[in-house]
Amino acid sequence: MKIAITGSNGFLAQHLCVFLAQQGFEVIGCGRGMNRVQSPATFAYHSVELTDVSSIRRFFSLVQPEIIIHTAAMSKPDECLQNPEACLLHNVTATSLLAETAQLYNTKFIFSSTDFIFGEGGPHSETDQPAPLNFYGESKWMAEQALLSILPDAVIFRPVFIYGKQWPGMRGSFIHWVANALQANKPIKVVTDQLRTPTFAPDICKGITTIIHTNQTGIFHLAGKDILSPYEMALAVAATLRLDKNLIEPVTADSFPEPVKRAQKSGLKIDKAQRLLAYEATSFEEGVRMSFT
């Protein structure tokens, strides 16, 4: 089975490319410019401009994927607020153009969304009403709606605070930032008053593999099972790597004035994925250990 993955220079997409290639799928990554990551598995790569319909059509005509997993996005909330037109172009328009092309080629569409479509009161289920607190979340909610208006049988998966292994050429996640700072004996401030359900990247990969094999449609929350603050996550990294936890200073979100509002209590419920996909979420402690071994 031939699977195209957009944004394949990104953290999650690289994990998907490697995992699915190792599962025997024919994987074709695509993104802007060159393939920048030295991954531990071999897969094809094409440079594609996802805001240009002619570029997308050329890619589909050449590759003719049976499945497309769309992870590419403008995903930094501050940048989305500062440049809303670019945010809408990359997050909503690009998704619509891909969906319209996928419809022409009868390609199954799997879309990576986010917990940012919700507001306070998490963890949230798939049936909770979206109420984004910032423009990034709003753009992803708009993208979900645009996709389903074109492809009602598409799959949408929503992860939270993704982490996992890092290999050369890949931008690290939060846990790598913590580890790098502590290994350099550098003190860091980490917030205690925001709660998330951090998601181990291989868990998402396994969930998507099951979605493919069982031909699921609809919305799935693929997240972790532990509800943790970033401060608790940082302590777990320090404990796992035997680094000095005293370098980690607990602070509140007020210590980091930001233009973008973020939920204090977010996260996602995974009951549906557990029921329909036999989804098993790795504990954060075990996920951190596996990320550094």
C-alpha atoms as a PDB file:
ATOM      1  CA  MET A   1       0.000   0.000   0.000  1.00  0.00           C
ATOM      2  CA  LYS A   2       1.337   3.411  -1.015  1.00  0.00           C
ATOM      3  CA  ILE A   3       1.154   6.143   1.633  1.00  0.00           C
ATOM      4  CA  ALA A   4       2.053   9.811   1.128  1.00  0.00           C
ATOM      5  CA  ILE A   5       2.911  11.866   4.215  1.00  0.00           C
ATOM      6  CA  THR A   6       2.945  15.660   4.088  1.00  0.00           C
ATOM      7  CA  GLY A   7       5.257  17.779   6.202  1.00  0.00           C
ATOM      8  CA  SER A   8       7.667  14.882   6.375  1.00  0.00           C
ATOM      9  CA  ASN A   9      10.513  17.017   7.732  1.00  0.00           C
ATOM     10  CA  GLY A  10       8.447  17.514  10.898  1.00  0.00           C
ATOM     11  CA  PHE A  11       8.739  15.605  14.158  1.00  0.00           C
ATOM     12  CA  LEU A  12       5.571  13.499  13.988  1.00  0.00           C
ATOM     13  CA  ALA A  13       5.759  12.970  10.233  1.00  0.00           C
ATOM     14  CA  GLN A  14       9.301  11.629  10.478  1.00  0.00           C
ATOM     15  CA  HIS A  15       8.171   9.118  13.080  1.00  0.00           C
ATOM     16  CA  LEU A  16       5.284   8.135  10.802  1.00  0.00           C
ATOM     17  CA  CYS A  17       7.537   7.771   7.751  1.00  0.00           C
ATOM     18  CA  VAL A  18       9.971   5.531   9.597  1.00  0.00           C
ATOM     19  CA  PHE A  19       7.354   3.452  11.407  1.00  0.00           C
ATOM     20  CA  LEU A  20       5.155   2.841   8.372  1.00  0.00           C
ATOM     21  CA  ALA A  21       8.153   2.047   6.154  1.00  0.00           C
ATOM     22  CA  GLN A  22       9.260  -0.515   8.727  1.00  0.00           C
ATOM     23  CA  GLN A  23       5.751  -2.002   8.632  1.00  0.00           C
ATOM     24  CA  GLY A  24       6.176  -2.692   4.919  1.00  0.00           C
ATOM     25  CA  PHE A  25       4.193   0.212   3.464  1.00  0.00           C
ATOM     26  CA  GLU A  26       5.580   2.125   0.482  1.00  0.00           C
ATOM     27  CA  VAL A  27       6.092   5.563   2.038  1.00  0.00           C
ATOM     28  CA  ILE A  28       6.508   8.810   0.123  1.00  0.00           C
ATOM     29  CA  GLY A  29       7.288  11.881   2.178  1.00  0.00           C
ATOM     30  CA  CYS A  30       6.705  15.370   0.855  1.00  0.00           C
ATOM     31  CA  GLY A  31       7.448  18.863   2.041  1.00  0.00           C
ATOM     32  CA  ARG A  32       9.138  22.115   1.131  1.00  0.00           C
ATOM     33  CA  GLY A  33      12.669  21.985  -0.202  1.00  0.00           C
ATOM     34  CA  MET A  34      14.918  18.996   0.453  1.00  0.00           C
ATOM     35  CA  ASN A  35      14.464  16.073   2.788  1.00  0.00           C
ATOM     36  CA  ARG A  36      16.404  17.363   5.809  1.00  0.00           C
ATOM     37  CA  VAL A  37      16.315  14.380   8.114  1.00  0.00           C
ATOM     38  CA  GLN A  38      18.675  11.430   8.257  1.00  0.00           C
ATOM     39  CA  SER A  39      16.068   8.862   9.248  1.00  0.00           C
ATOM     40  CA  PRO A  40      16.687   5.248  10.295  1.00  0.00           C
ATOM     41  CA  ALA A  41      14.500   3.951   7.452  1.00  0.00           C
ATOM     42  CA  THR A  42      14.433   4.519   3.716  1.00  0.00           C
ATOM     43  CA  PHE A  43      11.503   6.209   2.018  1.00  0.00           C
ATOM     44  CA  ALA A  44      10.988   8.319  -1.078  1.00  0.00           C
ATOM     45  CA  TYR A  45      10.715  12.095  -0.876  1.00  0.00           C
ATOM     46  CA  HIS A  46       9.245  14.789  -3.146  1.00  0.00           C
ATOM     47  CA  SER A  47       9.302  18.554  -2.828  1.00  0.00           C
ATOM     48  CA  VAL A  48       5.709  19.820  -2.982  1.00  0.00           C
ATOM     49  CA  GLU A  49       4.169  23.254  -2.414  1.00  0.00           C
ATOM     50  CA  LEU A  50       0.924  22.441  -0.633  1.00  0.00           C
ATOM     51  CA  THR A  51      -0.601  25.880  -1.220  1.00  0.00           C
ATOM     52  CA  ASP A  52      -0.261  25.441  -5.001  1.00  0.00           C
ATOM     53  CA  VAL A  53      -2.883  23.195  -6.571  1.00  0.00           C
ATOM     54  CA  SER A  54      -0.737  22.511  -9.656  1.00  0.00           C
ATOM     55  CA  SER A  55       2.123  21.286  -7.434  1.00  0.00           C
ATOM     56  CA  ILE A  56      -0.277  19.029  -5.541  1.00  0.00           C
ATOM     57  CA  ARG A  57      -1.789  17.648  -8.759  1.00  0.00           C
ATOM     58  CA  ARG A  58       1.655  16.874 -10.182  1.00  0.00           C
ATOM     59  CA  PHE A  59       2.558  15.019  -7.008  1.00  0.00           C
ATOM     60  CA  PHE A  60      -0.647  12.947  -7.021  1.00  0.00           C
ATOM     61  CA  SER A  61      -0.307  12.195 -10.732  1.00  0.00           C
ATOM     62  CA  LEU A  62       3.245  10.969 -10.226  1.00  0.00           C
ATOM     63  CA  VAL A  63       2.780   9.070  -6.963  1.00  0.00           C
ATOM     64  CA  GLN A  64      -0.932   8.108  -6.992  1.00  0.00           C
ATOM     65  CA  PRO A  65      -1.070   7.364  -3.251  1.00  0.00           C
ATOM     66  CA  GLU A  66      -3.784   5.126  -1.841  1.00  0.00           C
ATOM     67  CA  ILE A  67      -3.584   7.019   1.468  1.00  0.00           C
ATOM     68  CA  ILE A  68      -2.399  10.496   2.356  1.00  0.00           C
ATOM     69  CA  ILE A  69      -1.542  11.476   5.930  1.00  0.00           C
ATOM     70  CA  HIS A  70      -1.575  15.255   6.166  1.00  0.00           C
ATOM     71  CA  THR A  71       0.601  16.530   9.022  1.00  0.00           C
ATOM     72  CA  ALA A  72       2.021  19.696   7.424  1.00  0.00           C
ATOM     73  CA  ALA A  73       0.847  22.859   9.157  1.00  0.00           C
ATOM     74  CA  MET A  74       1.779  26.268  10.435  1.00  0.00           C
ATOM     75  CA  SER A  75       1.822  25.066  14.017  1.00  0.00           C
ATOM     76  CA  LYS A  76       3.391  27.774  16.175  1.00  0.00           C
ATOM     77  CA  PRO A  77       0.503  29.653  17.836  1.00  0.00           C
ATOM     78  CA  ASP A  78       2.429  32.929  18.138  1.00  0.00           C
ATOM     79  CA  GLU A  79       3.295  32.938  14.430  1.00  0.00           C
ATOM     80  CA  CYS A  80      -0.310  32.139  13.529  1.00  0.00           C
ATOM     81  CA  LEU A  81      -1.499  35.139  15.543  1.00  0.00           C
ATOM     82  CA  GLN A  82       1.107  37.432  13.995  1.00  0.00           C
ATOM     83  CA  ASN A  83       0.407  36.309  10.423  1.00  0.00           C
ATOM     84  CA  PRO A  84      -3.207  35.111  10.219  1.00  0.00           C
ATOM     85  CA  GLU A  85      -3.326  35.174   6.404  1.00  0.00           C
ATOM     86  CA  ALA A  86      -0.377  32.789   6.146  1.00  0.00           C
ATOM     87  CA  CYS A  87      -1.903  30.627   8.876  1.00  0.00           C
ATOM     88  CA  LEU A  88      -5.174  30.284   6.964  1.00  0.00           C
ATOM     89  CA  LEU A  89      -3.309  29.597   3.732  1.00  0.00           C
ATOM     90  CA  HIS A  90      -1.168  26.797   5.162  1.00  0.00           C
ATOM     91  CA  ASN A  91      -3.664  25.282   7.583  1.00  0.00           C
ATOM     92  CA  VAL A  92      -7.018  25.660   5.849  1.00  0.00           C
ATOM     93  CA  THR A  93      -6.483  26.322   2.144  1.00  0.00           C
ATOM     94  CA  ALA A  94      -3.751  23.693   1.789  1.00  0.00           C
ATOM     95  CA  THR A  95      -5.940  21.108   3.527  1.00  0.00           C
ATOM     96  CA  SER A  96      -8.846  21.894   1.187  1.00  0.00           C
ATOM     97  CA  LEU A  97      -6.646  21.665  -1.920  1.00  0.00           C
ATOM     98  CA  LEU A  98      -5.261  18.324  -0.783  1.00  0.00           C
ATOM     99  CA  ALA A  99      -8.755  17.025   0.014  1.00  0.00           C
ATOM    100  CA  GLU A 100     -10.101  18.032  -3.390  1.00  0.00           C
ATOM    101  CA  THR A 101      -7.195  16.287  -5.108  1.00  0.00           C
ATOM    102  CA  ALA A 102      -7.533  13.205  -2.901  1.00  0.00           C
ATOM    103  CA  GLN A 103     -11.186  13.051  -3.911  1.00  0.00           C
ATOM    104  CA  LEU A 104     -10.191  12.978  -7.598  1.00  0.00           C
ATOM    105  CA  TYR A 105      -7.780  10.105  -6.983  1.00  0.00           C
ATOM    106  CA  ASN A 106     -10.002   8.206  -4.527  1.00  0.00           C
ATOM    107  CA  THR A 107      -7.243   8.539  -1.916  1.00  0.00           C
ATOM    108  CA  LYS A 108      -8.060   7.901   1.730  1.00  0.00           C
ATOM    109  CA  PHE A 109      -7.354  11.051   3.766  1.00  0.00           C
ATOM    110  CA  ILE A 110      -5.959  11.028   7.316  1.00  0.00           C
ATOM    111  CA  PHE A 111      -5.562  14.456   8.912  1.00  0.00           C
ATOM    112  CA  SER A 112      -3.462  15.468  11.916  1.00  0.00           C
ATOM    113  CA  SER A 113      -5.332  18.013  14.018  1.00  0.00           C
ATOM    114  CA  THR A 114      -4.697  19.161  17.596  1.00  0.00           C
ATOM    115  CA  ASP A 115      -6.093  19.531  21.107  1.00  0.00           C
ATOM    116  CA  PHE A 116      -5.830  23.299  20.526  1.00  0.00           C
ATOM    117  CA  ILE A 117      -9.270  23.208  18.909  1.00  0.00           C
ATOM    118  CA  PHE A 118     -10.654  22.929  22.445  1.00  0.00           C
ATOM    119  CA  GLY A 119     -10.694  25.427  25.290  1.00  0.00           C
ATOM    120  CA  GLU A 120     -10.654  24.767  29.020  1.00  0.00           C
ATOM    121  CA  GLY A 121     -12.142  21.808  30.865  1.00  0.00           C
ATOM    122  CA  GLY A 122     -10.052  18.965  29.489  1.00  0.00           C
ATOM    123  CA  PRO A 123      -9.415  16.179  29.001  1.00  0.00           C
ATOM    124  CA  HIS A 124     -11.835  16.358  26.063  1.00  0.00           C
ATOM    125  CA  SER A 125     -13.628  13.610  24.155  1.00  0.00           C
ATOM    126  CA  GLU A 126     -14.207  13.477  20.401  1.00  0.00           C
ATOM    127  CA  THR A 127     -17.795  14.675  20.885  1.00  0.00           C
ATOM    128  CA  ASP A 128     -16.942  17.773  22.938  1.00  0.00           C
ATOM    129  CA  GLN A 129     -17.700  21.085  21.274  1.00  0.00           C
ATOM    130  CA  PRO A 130     -14.582  22.852  19.950  1.00  0.00           C
ATOM    131  CA  ALA A 131     -13.924  26.272  21.482  1.00  0.00           C
ATOM    132  CA  PRO A 132     -10.390  27.322  20.453  1.00  0.00           C
ATOM    133  CA  LEU A 133      -8.647  29.914  22.606  1.00  0.00           C
ATOM    134  CA  ASN A 134      -6.262  31.140  19.907  1.00  0.00           C
ATOM    135  CA  PHE A 135      -6.029  31.578  16.162  1.00  0.00           C
ATOM    136  CA  TYR A 136      -3.913  28.464  15.614  1.00  0.00           C
ATOM    137  CA  GLY A 137      -6.606  26.326  17.234  1.00  0.00           C
ATOM    138  CA  GLU A 138      -9.284  28.141  15.261  1.00  0.00           C
ATOM    139  CA  SER A 139      -7.458  27.502  11.981  1.00  0.00           C
ATOM    140  CA  LYS A 140      -7.167  23.779  12.707  1.00  0.00           C
ATOM    141  CA  TRP A 141     -10.857  23.589  13.581  1.00  0.00           C
ATOM    142  CA  MET A 142     -11.643  25.369  10.313  1.00  0.00           C
ATOM    143  CA  ALA A 143      -9.422  22.867   8.500  1.00  0.00           C
ATOM    144  CA  GLU A 144     -11.283  19.942  10.069  1.00  0.00           C
ATOM    145  CA  GLN A 145     -14.613  21.359   8.917  1.00  0.00           C
ATOM    146  CA  ALA A 146     -13.314  22.113   5.419  1.00  0.00           C
ATOM    147  CA  LEU A 147     -11.933  18.583   5.092  1.00  0.00           C
ATOM    148  CA  LEU A 148     -15.148  16.871   6.183  1.00  0.00           C
ATOM    149  CA  SER A 149     -17.216  19.034   3.850  1.00  0.00           C
ATOM    150  CA  ILE A 150     -15.192  17.597   0.942  1.00  0.00           C
ATOM    151  CA  LEU A 151     -14.432  14.099   2.255  1.00  0.00           C
ATOM    152  CA  PRO A 152     -17.024  13.036   4.870  1.00  0.00           C
ATOM    153  CA  ASP A 153     -15.259   9.672   5.264  1.00  0.00           C
ATOM    154  CA  ALA A 154     -11.891  11.206   6.113  1.00  0.00           C
ATOM    155  CA  VAL A 155     -10.063  10.359   9.340  1.00  0.00           C
ATOM    156  CA  ILE A 156      -9.067  13.084  11.781  1.00  0.00           C
ATOM    157  CA  PHE A 157      -6.700  12.297  14.635  1.00  0.00           C
ATOM    158  CA  ARG A 158      -5.861  14.692  17.434  1.00  0.00           C
ATOM    159  CA  PRO A 159      -2.677  14.319  19.499  1.00  0.00           C
ATOM    160  CA  VAL A 160      -1.333  16.384  22.412  1.00  0.00           C
ATOM    161  CA  PHE A 161       2.196  17.567  23.274  1.00  0.00           C
ATOM    162  CA  ILE A 162       4.020  14.997  21.119  1.00  0.00           C
ATOM    163  CA  TYR A 163       7.379  13.593  22.223  1.00  0.00           C
ATOM    164  CA  GLY A 164       9.627  10.667  21.284  1.00  0.00           C
ATOM    165  CA  LYS A 165      13.034   9.775  19.888  1.00  0.00           C
ATOM    166  CA  GLN A 166      15.110  12.352  18.056  1.00  0.00           C
ATOM    167  CA  TRP A 167      17.568  11.510  15.307  1.00  0.00           C
ATOM    168  CA  PRO A 168      20.024  13.684  13.308  1.00  0.00           C
ATOM    169  CA  GLY A 169      18.371  16.519  11.430  1.00  0.00           C
ATOM    170  CA  MET A 170      15.190  16.396  13.496  1.00  0.00           C
ATOM    171  CA  ARG A 171      14.089  19.264  15.703  1.00  0.00           C
ATOM    172  CA  GLY A 172      13.682  18.005  19.259  1.00  0.00           C
ATOM    173  CA  SER A 173      10.566  18.055  21.407  1.00  0.00           C
ATOM    174  CA  PHE A 174      10.012  19.473  24.910  1.00  0.00           C
ATOM    175  CA  ILE A 175      11.784  16.567  26.591  1.00  0.00           C
ATOM    176  CA  HIS A 176      14.908  17.166  24.519  1.00  0.00           C
ATOM    177  CA  TRP A 177      14.906  20.835  25.452  1.00  0.00           C
ATOM    178  CA  VAL A 178      14.763  19.839  29.116  1.00  0.00           C
ATOM    179  CA  ALA A 179      17.476  17.192  28.753  1.00  0.00           C
ATOM    180  CA  ASN A 180      19.811  19.490  26.831  1.00  0.00           C
ATOM    181  CA  ALA A 181      19.459  22.269  29.407  1.00  0.00           C
ATOM    182  CA  LEU A 182      20.042  20.000  32.398  1.00  0.00           C
ATOM    183  CA  GLN A 183      22.995  18.257  30.753  1.00  0.00           C
ATOM    184  CA  ALA A 184      24.533  21.704  30.233  1.00  0.00           C
ATOM    185  CA  ASN A 185      23.897  22.476  33.921  1.00  0.00           C
ATOM    186  CA  LYS A 186      21.557  25.266  32.883  1.00  0.00           C
ATOM    187  CA  PRO A 187      18.637  26.208  35.164  1.00  0.00           C
ATOM    188  CA  ILE A 188      15.203  26.281  33.531  1.00  0.00           C
ATOM    189  CA  LYS A 189      11.761  27.540  34.504  1.00  0.00           C
ATOM    190  CA  VAL A 190       8.830  25.241  33.762  1.00  0.00           C
ATOM    191  CA  VAL A 191       5.137  25.866  34.370  1.00  0.00           C
ATOM    192  CA  THR A 192       3.098  23.968  36.911  1.00  0.00           C
ATOM    193  CA  ASP A 193      -0.380  25.301  36.161  1.00  0.00           C
ATOM    194  CA  GLN A 194      -1.030  23.815  32.716  1.00  0.00           C
ATOM    195  CA  LEU A 195      -2.171  20.210  32.383  1.00  0.00           C
ATOM    196  CA  ARG A 196      -1.779  18.056  29.271  1.00  0.00           C
ATOM    197  CA  THR A 197      -1.887  14.403  28.207  1.00  0.00           C
ATOM    198  CA  PRO A 198       1.550  14.126  26.492  1.00  0.00           C
ATOM    199  CA  THR A 199       1.602  11.717  23.556  1.00  0.00           C
ATOM    200  CA  PHE A 200       4.391   9.279  22.706  1.00  0.00           C
ATOM    201  CA  ALA A 201       4.932   9.463  18.933  1.00  0.00           C
ATOM    202  CA  PRO A 202       5.127   5.664  18.394  1.00  0.00           C
ATOM    203  CA  ASP A 203       1.678   5.343  20.006  1.00  0.00           C
ATOM    204  CA  ILE A 204       0.267   7.644  17.319  1.00  0.00           C
ATOM    205  CA  CYS A 205       2.011   5.584  14.640  1.00  0.00           C
ATOM    206  CA  LYS A 206       0.497   2.366  15.966  1.00  0.00           C
ATOM    207  CA  GLY A 207      -2.943   3.963  16.203  1.00  0.00           C
ATOM    208  CA  ILE A 208      -2.783   5.173  12.607  1.00  0.00           C
ATOM    209  CA  THR A 209      -1.602   1.758  11.429  1.00  0.00           C
ATOM    210  CA  THR A 210      -4.674   0.202  13.012  1.00  0.00           C
ATOM    211  CA  ILE A 211      -6.896   2.878  11.456  1.00  0.00           C
ATOM    212  CA  ILE A 212      -5.477   1.922   8.068  1.00  0.00           C
ATOM    213  CA  HIS A 213      -5.761  -1.840   8.540  1.00  0.00           C
ATOM    214  CA  THR A 214      -9.342  -1.636   9.873  1.00  0.00           C
ATOM    215  CA  ASN A 215     -10.413   1.076   7.387  1.00  0.00           C
ATOM    216  CA  GLN A 216     -11.775   3.387  10.071  1.00  0.00           C
ATOM    217  CA  THR A 217     -13.368   6.754   9.423  1.00  0.00           C
ATOM    218  CA  GLY A 218     -14.186   9.646  11.749  1.00  0.00           C
ATOM    219  CA  ILE A 219     -12.370  11.387  14.582  1.00  0.00           C
ATOM    220  CA  PHE A 220      -9.956   9.749  17.015  1.00  0.00           C
ATOM    221  CA  HIS A 221      -8.047  11.156  19.949  1.00  0.00           C
ATOM    222  CA  LEU A 222      -4.573   9.589  19.980  1.00  0.00           C
ATOM    223  CA  ALA A 223      -2.999  10.887  23.176  1.00  0.00           C
ATOM    224  CA  GLY A 224      -1.282   9.815  26.365  1.00  0.00           C
ATOM    225  CA  LYS A 225      -2.972   8.414  29.462  1.00  0.00           C
ATOM    226  CA  ASP A 226      -1.172  10.541  32.053  1.00  0.00           C
ATOM    227  CA  ILE A 227      -2.395  14.043  32.921  1.00  0.00           C
ATOM    228  CA  LEU A 228       0.736  16.041  33.691  1.00  0.00           C
ATOM    229  CA  SER A 229       2.024  19.573  33.913  1.00  0.00           C
ATOM    230  CA  PRO A 230       5.180  20.514  31.968  1.00  0.00           C
ATOM    231  CA  TYR A 231       6.930  20.778  35.351  1.00  0.00           C
ATOM    232  CA  GLU A 232       6.031  17.159  36.176  1.00  0.00           C
ATOM    233  CA  MET A 233       7.215  16.134  32.712  1.00  0.00           C
ATOM    234  CA  ALA A 234      10.538  17.902  33.266  1.00  0.00           C
ATOM    235  CA  LEU A 235      11.004  16.145  36.615  1.00  0.00           C
ATOM    236  CA  ALA A 236      10.393  12.797  34.901  1.00  0.00           C
ATOM    237  CA  VAL A 237      13.091  13.599  32.322  1.00  0.00           C
ATOM    238  CA  ALA A 238      15.531  14.512  35.096  1.00  0.00           C
ATOM    239  CA  ALA A 239      14.772  11.320  37.014  1.00  0.00           C
ATOM    240  CA  THR A 240      15.051   9.089  33.945  1.00  0.00           C
ATOM    241  CA  LEU A 241      18.364  10.565  32.813  1.00  0.00           C
ATOM    242  CA  ARG A 242      19.658  11.016  36.384  1.00  0.00           C
ATOM    243  CA  LEU A 243      20.083  14.746  35.976  1.00  0.00           C
ATOM    244  CA  ASP A 244      19.822  17.467  38.602  1.00  0.00           C
ATOM    245  CA  LYS A 245      16.128  18.183  39.210  1.00  0.00           C
ATOM    246  CA  ASN A 246      17.087  21.173  41.365  1.00  0.00           C
ATOM    247  CA  LEU A 247      17.875  23.044  38.145  1.00  0.00           C
ATOM    248  CA  ILE A 248      14.143  22.951  37.335  1.00  0.00           C
ATOM    249  CA  GLU A 249      12.277  25.890  38.877  1.00  0.00           C
ATOM    250  CA  PRO A 250       8.490  25.570  39.172  1.00  0.00           C
ATOM    251  CA  VAL A 251       6.664  28.682  37.967  1.00  0.00           C
ATOM    252  CA  THR A 252       3.185  29.640  36.810  1.00  0.00           C
ATOM    253  CA  ALA A 253       2.207  30.585  33.266  1.00  0.00           C
ATOM    254  CA  ASP A 254       2.099  34.212  34.420  1.00  0.00           C
ATOM    255  CA  SER A 255       5.903  34.099  34.442  1.00  0.00           C
ATOM    256  CA  PHE A 256       5.847  33.866  30.642  1.00  0.00           C
ATOM    257  CA  PRO A 257       3.653  36.648  29.267  1.00  0.00           C
ATOM    258  CA  GLU A 258       2.502  35.468  25.844  1.00  0.00           C
ATOM    259  CA  PRO A 259       0.284  37.043  23.205  1.00  0.00           C
ATOM    260  CA  VAL A 260      -1.499  33.714  22.678  1.00  0.00           C
ATOM    261  CA  LYS A 261      -3.911  32.278  25.217  1.00  0.00           C
ATOM    262  CA  ARG A 262      -3.443  28.616  26.114  1.00  0.00           C
ATOM    263  CA  ALA A 263      -5.686  26.341  28.144  1.00  0.00           C
ATOM    264  CA  GLN A 264      -4.712  25.607  31.727  1.00  0.00           C
ATOM    265  CA  LYS A 265      -6.445  22.235  31.762  1.00  0.00           C
ATOM    266  CA  SER A 266      -6.385  20.615  28.340  1.00  0.00           C
ATOM    267  CA  GLY A 267      -5.645  17.079  27.154  1.00  0.00           C
ATOM    268  CA  LEU A 268      -7.720  14.438  25.396  1.00  0.00           C
ATOM    269  CA  LYS A 269      -9.674  11.337  26.384  1.00  0.00           C
ATOM    270  CA  ILE A 270      -8.694   8.162  24.559  1.00  0.00           C
ATOM    271  CA  ASP A 271     -11.646   5.876  25.358  1.00  0.00           C
ATOM    272  CA  LYS A 272     -12.815   5.676  21.731  1.00  0.00           C
ATOM    273  CA  ALA A 273      -9.351   4.775  20.443  1.00  0.00           C
ATOM    274  CA  GLN A 274      -8.992   2.161  23.175  1.00  0.00           C
ATOM    275  CA  ARG A 275     -12.356   0.655  22.241  1.00  0.00           C
ATOM    276  CA  LEU A 276     -12.131   0.696  18.433  1.00  0.00           C
ATOM    277  CA  LEU A 277      -8.380   0.548  17.821  1.00  0.00           C
ATOM    278  CA  ALA A 278      -7.188  -1.410  20.865  1.00  0.00           C
ATOM    279  CA  TYR A 279      -5.044   1.693  21.404  1.00  0.00           C
ATOM    280  CA  GLU A 280      -2.526   1.357  24.219  1.00  0.00           C
ATOM    281  CA  ALA A 281      -0.991   4.558  25.532  1.00  0.00           C
ATOM    282  CA  THR A 282       2.532   4.352  26.891  1.00  0.00           C
ATOM    283  CA  SER A 283       3.059   5.863  30.331  1.00  0.00           C
ATOM    284  CA  PHE A 284       5.006   9.116  30.227  1.00  0.00           C
ATOM    285  CA  GLU A 285       7.800   7.689  32.390  1.00  0.00           C
ATOM    286  CA  GLU A 286       8.238   4.719  30.051  1.00  0.00           C
ATOM    287  CA  GLY A 287       7.941   6.920  26.962  1.00  0.00           C
ATOM    288  CA  VAL A 288      10.733   9.178  28.193  1.00  0.00           C
ATOM    289  CA  ARG A 289      12.940   6.181  28.910  1.00  0.00           C
ATOM    290  CA  MET A 290      12.327   4.789  25.411  1.00  0.00           C
ATOM    291  CA  SER A 291      12.975   8.197  23.862  1.00  0.00           C
ATOM    292  CA  PHE A 292      16.527   8.282  25.182  1.00  0.00           C
ATOM    293  CA  THR A 293      17.536   4.630  24.633  1.00  0.00           C
END
